[in-house]
Amino acid sequence: MLPYSEQQLINANVNPATGLATDYPNLFNEAVMLFEMGLDMPDMAEELTDWRPHGYIEHFERSGFEQKDVVVAAYLYAPHEIREAFDASVARALSVFDSSINILLSTHMMDAAARADLETRLVEMKALVIEMDSHIHGRVESDLQSEVDALF
C-alpha cells in the first residue's frame, strides 16, 4: 500500500488514479520548444546540446523537486498495466527525442528534404508528449487519437 494520502499525491502533482506525476512531460515540452525554434533559428538549436533525456525516476531524482520521494513512490506503486504502458511511451519518446535532436544539430537547414524530415519528427515528438500525458491523466485511447489528429 502506498504510504502517502491522496491529498499528498495531489500536492505533489501526482494523479492518484494512475500514480504518475504531471511534471514529467515538462522535460519533453522544453525540448519541443527549443526544437521548433531551432528549425527557424539554427543557432537556437545549439541550446538543445544541454538537453538530456532522463527516464521518469532519474528525472525526479536529479530535480530539485521537493516532493520527489512522493512522486517516485507513487510511480513504483502505480498499477502495473498503467506503468507498463507509460514506460513504453517514455522509451519511445526518449529514443525519438534523442535521435531527432542529434539530426537537427547536424543538419543544414537549407536542405529542403532534411527540413521536411525534421518537421515530421517534430510532429511525432509532440504526439509522444500527448501520449505520455494521456497515460498520466488516465485518458482512454480514443481521446488520445483525437488529440494526435488535432496536430495535423
C-alpha atoms as a PDB file:
ATOM      1  CA  MET A   1       0.000   0.000   0.000  1.00  0.00           C
ATOM      2  CA  LEU A   2       1.235   3.463  -0.900  1.00  0.00           C
ATOM      3  CA  PRO A   3       2.482   5.327   2.188  1.00  0.00           C
ATOM      4  CA  TYR A   4       1.006   8.659   1.032  1.00  0.00           C
ATOM      5  CA  SER A   5      -2.526  10.010   1.150  1.00  0.00           C
ATOM      6  CA  GLU A   6      -4.478  11.097  -1.907  1.00  0.00           C
ATOM      7  CA  GLN A   7      -4.020  14.715  -0.851  1.00  0.00           C
ATOM      8  CA  GLN A   8      -0.248  14.253  -0.576  1.00  0.00           C
ATOM      9  CA  LEU A   9      -0.241  12.816  -4.091  1.00  0.00           C
ATOM     10  CA  ILE A  10      -2.269  15.733  -5.421  1.00  0.00           C
ATOM     11  CA  ASN A  11       0.048  18.188  -3.676  1.00  0.00           C
ATOM     12  CA  ALA A  12       2.988  16.503  -5.451  1.00  0.00           C
ATOM     13  CA  ASN A  13       1.198  16.814  -8.816  1.00  0.00           C
ATOM     14  CA  VAL A  14       0.595  13.067  -8.974  1.00  0.00           C
ATOM     15  CA  ASN A  15      -2.620  11.734 -10.431  1.00  0.00           C
ATOM     16  CA  PRO A  16      -3.908   9.461  -7.633  1.00  0.00           C
ATOM     17  CA  ALA A  17      -5.614   7.160 -10.148  1.00  0.00           C
ATOM     18  CA  THR A  18      -2.504   6.482 -12.220  1.00  0.00           C
ATOM     19  CA  GLY A  19       0.320   7.188  -9.768  1.00  0.00           C
ATOM     20  CA  LEU A  20       2.087   9.329 -12.374  1.00  0.00           C
ATOM     21  CA  ALA A  21       3.249  12.932 -11.993  1.00  0.00           C
ATOM     22  CA  THR A  22       2.098  15.647 -14.343  1.00  0.00           C
ATOM     23  CA  ASP A  23       5.506  17.386 -14.218  1.00  0.00           C
ATOM     24  CA  TYR A  24       7.432  14.764 -16.195  1.00  0.00           C
ATOM     25  CA  PRO A  25       6.316  15.841 -19.708  1.00  0.00           C
ATOM     26  CA  ASN A  26       7.785  19.285 -18.996  1.00  0.00           C
ATOM     27  CA  LEU A  27      11.191  17.754 -19.740  1.00  0.00           C
ATOM     28  CA  PHE A  28       9.976  16.992 -23.247  1.00  0.00           C
ATOM     29  CA  ASN A  29       7.981  20.197 -23.697  1.00  0.00           C
ATOM     30  CA  GLU A  30      11.191  22.162 -23.203  1.00  0.00           C
ATOM     31  CA  ALA A  31      12.890  20.143 -25.936  1.00  0.00           C
ATOM     32  CA  VAL A  32       9.920  20.594 -28.295  1.00  0.00           C
ATOM     33  CA  MET A  33      10.038  24.357 -27.819  1.00  0.00           C
ATOM     34  CA  LEU A  34      13.787  24.501 -28.489  1.00  0.00           C
ATOM     35  CA  PHE A  35      13.426  22.133 -31.449  1.00  0.00           C
ATOM     36  CA  GLU A  36      10.752  24.355 -33.017  1.00  0.00           C
ATOM     37  CA  MET A  37      12.907  27.424 -32.538  1.00  0.00           C
ATOM     38  CA  GLY A  38      15.927  25.568 -33.924  1.00  0.00           C
ATOM     39  CA  LEU A  39      14.100  24.857 -37.164  1.00  0.00           C
ATOM     40  CA  ASP A  40      13.831  28.576 -37.847  1.00  0.00           C
ATOM     41  CA  MET A  41      16.887  29.840 -35.997  1.00  0.00           C
ATOM     42  CA  PRO A  42      19.688  27.268 -36.256  1.00  0.00           C
ATOM     43  CA  ASP A  43      21.750  28.994 -33.549  1.00  0.00           C
ATOM     44  CA  MET A  44      18.880  28.267 -31.107  1.00  0.00           C
ATOM     45  CA  ALA A  45      19.245  24.560 -31.879  1.00  0.00           C
ATOM     46  CA  GLU A  46      22.543  24.675 -30.010  1.00  0.00           C
ATOM     47  CA  GLU A  47      20.522  25.148 -26.808  1.00  0.00           C
ATOM     48  CA  LEU A  48      19.495  21.514 -27.250  1.00  0.00           C
ATOM     49  CA  THR A  49      23.053  20.334 -26.657  1.00  0.00           C
ATOM     50  CA  ASP A  50      22.362  20.823 -22.940  1.00  0.00           C
ATOM     51  CA  TRP A  51      19.090  18.839 -23.027  1.00  0.00           C
ATOM     52  CA  ARG A  52      19.444  15.344 -21.661  1.00  0.00           C
ATOM     53  CA  PRO A  53      16.883  12.579 -21.915  1.00  0.00           C
ATOM     54  CA  HIS A  54      16.102  11.179 -18.485  1.00  0.00           C
ATOM     55  CA  GLY A  55      13.797   8.365 -17.544  1.00  0.00           C
ATOM     56  CA  TYR A  56      10.976   9.091 -15.130  1.00  0.00           C
ATOM     57  CA  ILE A  57      12.685   8.202 -11.850  1.00  0.00           C
ATOM     58  CA  GLU A  58      16.039   9.660 -12.908  1.00  0.00           C
ATOM     59  CA  HIS A  59      14.324  12.908 -13.894  1.00  0.00           C
ATOM     60  CA  PHE A  60      12.816  13.364 -10.450  1.00  0.00           C
ATOM     61  CA  GLU A  61      15.872  12.152  -8.563  1.00  0.00           C
ATOM     62  CA  ARG A  62      18.008  14.740 -10.405  1.00  0.00           C
ATOM     63  CA  SER A  63      15.465  17.516  -9.943  1.00  0.00           C
ATOM     64  CA  GLY A  64      15.180  19.933  -7.071  1.00  0.00           C
ATOM     65  CA  PHE A  65      11.528  18.946  -6.737  1.00  0.00           C
ATOM     66  CA  GLU A  66      10.786  18.905  -3.005  1.00  0.00           C
ATOM     67  CA  GLN A  67       8.285  16.069  -3.164  1.00  0.00           C
ATOM     68  CA  LYS A  68      10.260  13.749  -5.396  1.00  0.00           C
ATOM     69  CA  ASP A  69      10.033  10.962  -2.798  1.00  0.00           C
ATOM     70  CA  VAL A  70       6.243  11.060  -3.109  1.00  0.00           C
ATOM     71  CA  VAL A  71       6.464  11.068  -6.913  1.00  0.00           C
ATOM     72  CA  VAL A  72       8.888   8.133  -7.070  1.00  0.00           C
ATOM     73  CA  ALA A  73       6.937   6.079  -4.520  1.00  0.00           C
ATOM     74  CA  ALA A  74       3.666   6.706  -6.372  1.00  0.00           C
ATOM     75  CA  TYR A  75       5.283   5.577  -9.619  1.00  0.00           C
ATOM     76  CA  LEU A  76       6.593   2.387  -8.007  1.00  0.00           C
ATOM     77  CA  TYR A  77       3.121   1.650  -6.610  1.00  0.00           C
ATOM     78  CA  ALA A  78       1.291   2.562  -9.841  1.00  0.00           C
ATOM     79  CA  PRO A  79      -0.894  -0.174 -11.311  1.00  0.00           C
ATOM     80  CA  HIS A  80       1.308  -2.478 -13.383  1.00  0.00           C
ATOM     81  CA  GLU A  81      -0.614  -2.093 -16.648  1.00  0.00           C
ATOM     82  CA  ILE A  82      -0.613   1.726 -16.378  1.00  0.00           C
ATOM     83  CA  ARG A  83       3.082   1.901 -15.576  1.00  0.00           C
ATOM     84  CA  GLU A  84       3.975  -0.601 -18.295  1.00  0.00           C
ATOM     85  CA  ALA A  85       2.117   1.372 -20.981  1.00  0.00           C
ATOM     86  CA  PHE A  86       3.584   4.639 -19.703  1.00  0.00           C
ATOM     87  CA  ASP A  87       7.117   3.217 -19.629  1.00  0.00           C
ATOM     88  CA  ALA A  88       6.757   2.021 -23.230  1.00  0.00           C
ATOM     89  CA  SER A  89       5.628   5.502 -24.246  1.00  0.00           C
ATOM     90  CA  VAL A  90       8.545   7.094 -22.377  1.00  0.00           C
ATOM     91  CA  ALA A  91      11.039   4.702 -24.010  1.00  0.00           C
ATOM     92  CA  ARG A  92       9.738   5.653 -27.470  1.00  0.00           C
ATOM     93  CA  ALA A  93       9.869   9.346 -26.597  1.00  0.00           C
ATOM     94  CA  LEU A  94      13.418   9.147 -25.224  1.00  0.00           C
ATOM     95  CA  SER A  95      14.592   7.419 -28.387  1.00  0.00           C
ATOM     96  CA  VAL A  96      12.768   9.711 -30.825  1.00  0.00           C
ATOM     97  CA  PHE A  97      13.772  12.885 -28.999  1.00  0.00           C
ATOM     98  CA  ASP A  98      17.408  11.862 -28.732  1.00  0.00           C
ATOM     99  CA  SER A  99      17.730  10.886 -32.400  1.00  0.00           C
ATOM    100  CA  SER A 100      15.709  13.878 -33.634  1.00  0.00           C
ATOM    101  CA  ILE A 101      17.812  16.338 -31.651  1.00  0.00           C
ATOM    102  CA  ASN A 102      21.022  14.771 -32.929  1.00  0.00           C
ATOM    103  CA  ILE A 103      19.745  15.027 -36.501  1.00  0.00           C
ATOM    104  CA  LEU A 104      18.678  18.646 -36.003  1.00  0.00           C
ATOM    105  CA  LEU A 105      22.085  19.559 -34.615  1.00  0.00           C
ATOM    106  CA  SER A 106      23.868  18.004 -37.600  1.00  0.00           C
ATOM    107  CA  THR A 107      21.548  19.152 -40.403  1.00  0.00           C
ATOM    108  CA  HIS A 108      21.993  22.033 -42.771  1.00  0.00           C
ATOM    109  CA  MET A 109      18.619  23.810 -42.730  1.00  0.00           C
ATOM    110  CA  MET A 110      18.837  24.848 -46.369  1.00  0.00           C
ATOM    111  CA  ASP A 111      18.316  21.200 -47.363  1.00  0.00           C
ATOM    112  CA  ALA A 112      14.555  21.013 -48.056  1.00  0.00           C
ATOM    113  CA  ALA A 113      14.336  17.233 -47.648  1.00  0.00           C
ATOM    114  CA  ALA A 114      16.178  17.340 -44.327  1.00  0.00           C
ATOM    115  CA  ARG A 115      13.957  20.146 -43.096  1.00  0.00           C
ATOM    116  CA  ALA A 116      10.824  18.209 -44.104  1.00  0.00           C
ATOM    117  CA  ASP A 117      12.117  15.186 -42.176  1.00  0.00           C
ATOM    118  CA  LEU A 118      12.737  17.360 -39.105  1.00  0.00           C
ATOM    119  CA  GLU A 119       9.250  18.852 -39.323  1.00  0.00           C
ATOM    120  CA  THR A 120       7.800  15.323 -39.457  1.00  0.00           C
ATOM    121  CA  ARG A 121       9.916  14.403 -36.445  1.00  0.00           C
ATOM    122  CA  LEU A 122       8.598  17.461 -34.594  1.00  0.00           C
ATOM    123  CA  VAL A 123       5.013  16.298 -35.148  1.00  0.00           C
ATOM    124  CA  GLU A 124       5.976  12.858 -33.833  1.00  0.00           C
ATOM    125  CA  MET A 125       7.668  14.415 -30.798  1.00  0.00           C
ATOM    126  CA  LYS A 126       4.531  16.406 -29.976  1.00  0.00           C
ATOM    127  CA  ALA A 127       2.384  13.305 -30.391  1.00  0.00           C
ATOM    128  CA  LEU A 128       4.615  11.400 -27.969  1.00  0.00           C
ATOM    129  CA  VAL A 129       4.246  14.139 -25.346  1.00  0.00           C
ATOM    130  CA  ILE A 130       0.473  13.911 -25.743  1.00  0.00           C
ATOM    131  CA  GLU A 131       0.690  10.136 -25.428  1.00  0.00           C
ATOM    132  CA  MET A 132       2.701  10.354 -22.188  1.00  0.00           C
ATOM    133  CA  ASP A 133       0.282  12.952 -20.854  1.00  0.00           C
ATOM    134  CA  SER A 134      -2.656  10.693 -21.670  1.00  0.00           C
ATOM    135  CA  HIS A 135      -1.159   7.898 -19.573  1.00  0.00           C
ATOM    136  CA  ILE A 136      -0.554  10.295 -16.693  1.00  0.00           C
ATOM    137  CA  HIS A 137      -4.147  11.506 -16.785  1.00  0.00           C
ATOM    138  CA  GLY A 138      -5.657   8.083 -17.458  1.00  0.00           C
ATOM    139  CA  ARG A 139      -7.310   9.095 -20.717  1.00  0.00           C
ATOM    140  CA  VAL A 140      -8.761   6.454 -22.995  1.00  0.00           C
ATOM    141  CA  GLU A 141      -7.235   5.657 -26.398  1.00  0.00           C
ATOM    142  CA  SER A 142      -9.990   7.379 -28.385  1.00  0.00           C
ATOM    143  CA  ASP A 143      -9.283  10.647 -26.545  1.00  0.00           C
ATOM    144  CA  LEU A 144      -5.588  10.243 -27.323  1.00  0.00           C
ATOM    145  CA  GLN A 145      -6.264   9.698 -31.020  1.00  0.00           C
ATOM    146  CA  SER A 146      -8.373  12.869 -31.146  1.00  0.00           C
ATOM    147  CA  GLU A 147      -5.523  14.879 -29.637  1.00  0.00           C
ATOM    148  CA  VAL A 148      -2.972  13.429 -32.053  1.00  0.00           C
ATOM    149  CA  ASP A 149      -5.289  14.063 -35.009  1.00  0.00           C
ATOM    150  CA  ALA A 150      -5.568  17.707 -33.950  1.00  0.00           C
ATOM    151  CA  LEU A 151      -1.834  18.109 -34.581  1.00  0.00           C
ATOM    152  CA  PHE A 152      -2.320  17.587 -38.318  1.00  0.00           C
END
